[in-house]
Amino acid sequence: VSASSEREIETVVEIANKAIATSGTYRKYRVENGRRFSHTIDPQTGFPVNHSLLSVSVVANDGITADAYATAFMVMGAEKTWRFIRDNKDLGLEAYFILDDNKSNFRIIQTPGFVDMLSKTQEK
């Protein structure tokens, strides 16, 4: 996962018997008349998602679940996703969010369980 436009490692997680999937709008998009359009479509509106969430990495018990929730969370946005994870602890989901403040600054938000999975040996 990377908060920059370059392909660099943002953070390293240590997981066992879990899976991680990342979904984002930072690579696949188009620009039309100066406006950026995501490849992720909101099924309720039929239009590309338009919010500050650039990327979400989801840890779940298996890859299919992690991938499905990563895509769904990109549609939901960070705030709704945070509430969903908080209110559905029985699903065992953890997440790492990269948000854009529209000024080329990135903000990282992590669920408490995701913080516990961060590699203790990584150098930043």
Protein backbone atom coordinates (compact mmCIF):
# COMPACT_ATOMS: atom_id res chain seq x y z
CA VAL A 1 0.00 0.00 0.00
CA SER A 2 1.42 3.40 -0.90
CA ALA A 3 0.21 6.92 -0.12
CA SER A 4 2.30 8.33 -2.96
CA SER A 5 1.78 8.00 -6.69
CA GLU A 6 4.96 5.96 -7.00
CA ARG A 7 5.00 2.20 -6.51
CA GLU A 8 6.62 2.14 -3.12
CA ILE A 9 5.80 0.30 0.06
CA GLU A 10 3.69 2.34 2.46
CA THR A 11 3.63 -0.12 5.33
CA VAL A 12 4.22 -3.78 6.07
CA VAL A 13 1.77 -5.99 7.93
CA GLU A 14 2.37 -9.34 9.54
CA ILE A 15 -0.59 -11.70 9.25
CA ALA A 16 -1.04 -15.43 9.70
CA ASN A 17 -4.06 -17.46 8.58
CA LYS A 18 -5.65 -14.27 7.24
CA ALA A 19 -5.78 -12.53 3.86
CA ILE A 20 -5.36 -8.93 2.76
CA ALA A 21 -6.80 -7.15 -0.27
CA THR A 22 -6.45 -3.55 -1.39
CA SER A 23 -8.83 -1.55 -3.53
CA GLY A 24 -8.24 2.01 -4.64
CA THR A 25 -8.92 4.80 -7.07
CA TYR A 26 -5.36 6.11 -7.29
CA ARG A 27 -4.27 4.07 -10.36
CA LYS A 28 -7.35 3.44 -12.51
CA TYR A 29 -9.13 6.69 -13.28
CA ARG A 30 -9.68 9.13 -16.09
CA VAL A 31 -9.52 12.90 -16.18
CA GLU A 32 -12.14 14.79 -18.15
CA ASN A 33 -12.32 18.59 -18.21
CA GLY A 34 -9.94 18.70 -15.24
CA ARG A 35 -12.15 16.42 -13.17
CA ARG A 36 -10.98 13.01 -12.00
CA PHE A 37 -13.33 10.03 -12.42
CA SER A 38 -12.77 6.78 -10.53
CA HIS A 39 -13.16 3.34 -12.11
CA THR A 40 -15.19 2.29 -9.03
CA ILE A 41 -18.91 2.75 -9.68
CA ASP A 42 -21.42 3.36 -6.90
CA PRO A 43 -24.29 0.95 -7.69
CA GLN A 44 -26.83 3.25 -6.00
CA THR A 45 -26.05 6.20 -8.27
CA GLY A 46 -24.55 4.51 -11.32
CA PHE A 47 -21.71 7.05 -11.24
CA PRO A 48 -18.06 6.86 -10.20
CA VAL A 49 -17.42 7.26 -6.48
CA ASN A 50 -16.44 10.77 -5.45
CA HIS A 51 -14.94 11.04 -1.98
CA SER A 52 -11.59 11.41 -0.25
CA LEU A 53 -10.87 7.68 0.15
CA LEU A 54 -8.02 6.78 -2.23
CA SER A 55 -7.30 3.29 -0.97
CA VAL A 56 -8.43 0.76 1.58
CA SER A 57 -6.63 -2.43 2.55
CA VAL A 58 -8.80 -4.99 4.31
CA VAL A 59 -7.67 -7.96 6.41
CA ALA A 60 -10.21 -10.78 6.67
CA ASN A 61 -10.28 -14.51 7.30
CA ASP A 62 -9.99 -15.33 3.58
CA GLY A 63 -9.11 -13.65 0.30
CA ILE A 64 -12.59 -13.62 -1.21
CA THR A 65 -13.98 -11.82 1.83
CA ALA A 66 -11.08 -9.34 1.99
CA ASP A 67 -11.44 -8.52 -1.72
CA ALA A 68 -15.22 -8.15 -1.60
CA TYR A 69 -15.12 -5.83 1.40
CA ALA A 70 -12.22 -3.79 -0.02
CA THR A 71 -14.29 -3.02 -3.13
CA ALA A 72 -17.47 -2.38 -1.13
CA PHE A 73 -15.60 -0.08 1.26
CA MET A 74 -14.27 1.97 -1.67
CA VAL A 75 -17.89 2.64 -2.60
CA MET A 76 -18.97 3.35 0.98
CA GLY A 77 -16.15 5.76 1.80
CA ALA A 78 -14.06 5.96 4.96
CA GLU A 79 -16.66 7.24 7.43
CA LYS A 80 -19.35 4.66 6.63
CA THR A 81 -16.73 1.92 6.46
CA TRP A 82 -15.31 2.84 9.87
CA ARG A 83 -18.80 2.61 11.40
CA PHE A 84 -19.50 -0.67 9.60
CA ILE A 85 -16.32 -2.30 10.93
CA ARG A 86 -16.97 -0.93 14.43
CA ASP A 87 -20.58 -2.17 14.43
CA ASN A 88 -19.77 -5.60 12.94
CA LYS A 89 -16.81 -6.76 15.02
CA ASP A 90 -17.99 -10.37 14.64
CA LEU A 91 -16.83 -10.26 10.99
CA GLY A 92 -13.21 -9.91 12.14
CA LEU A 93 -12.38 -7.19 9.61
CA GLU A 94 -9.50 -4.73 9.98
CA ALA A 95 -8.66 -1.89 7.61
CA TYR A 96 -6.01 0.64 6.59
CA PHE A 97 -7.29 3.77 4.82
CA ILE A 98 -5.42 6.34 2.72
CA LEU A 99 -7.38 9.56 2.28
CA ASP A 100 -6.67 12.62 0.13
CA ASP A 101 -7.43 16.09 1.50
CA ASN A 102 -7.60 17.56 -2.07
CA LYS A 103 -4.36 19.44 -1.41
CA SER A 104 -2.03 16.54 -2.29
CA ASN A 105 -1.74 15.65 1.38
CA PHE A 106 -2.51 12.13 2.48
CA ARG A 107 -3.99 11.02 5.77
CA ILE A 108 -3.74 7.48 7.10
CA ILE A 109 -6.43 5.93 9.30
CA GLN A 110 -6.16 2.40 10.71
CA THR A 111 -8.49 0.27 12.76
CA PRO A 112 -6.99 -0.69 16.13
CA GLY A 113 -6.59 -4.31 15.06
CA PHE A 114 -4.73 -3.27 11.92
CA VAL A 115 -2.27 -1.27 14.01
CA ASP A 116 -1.53 -4.47 15.94
CA MET A 117 -0.61 -6.21 12.65
CA LEU A 118 2.00 -3.65 11.61
CA SER A 119 5.46 -5.11 11.29
CA LYS A 120 7.60 -4.25 14.27
CA THR A 121 10.77 -4.51 12.17
CA GLN A 122 9.94 -2.11 9.34
CA GLU A 123 11.91 1.08 8.97
CA LYS A 124 10.07 4.28 8.07
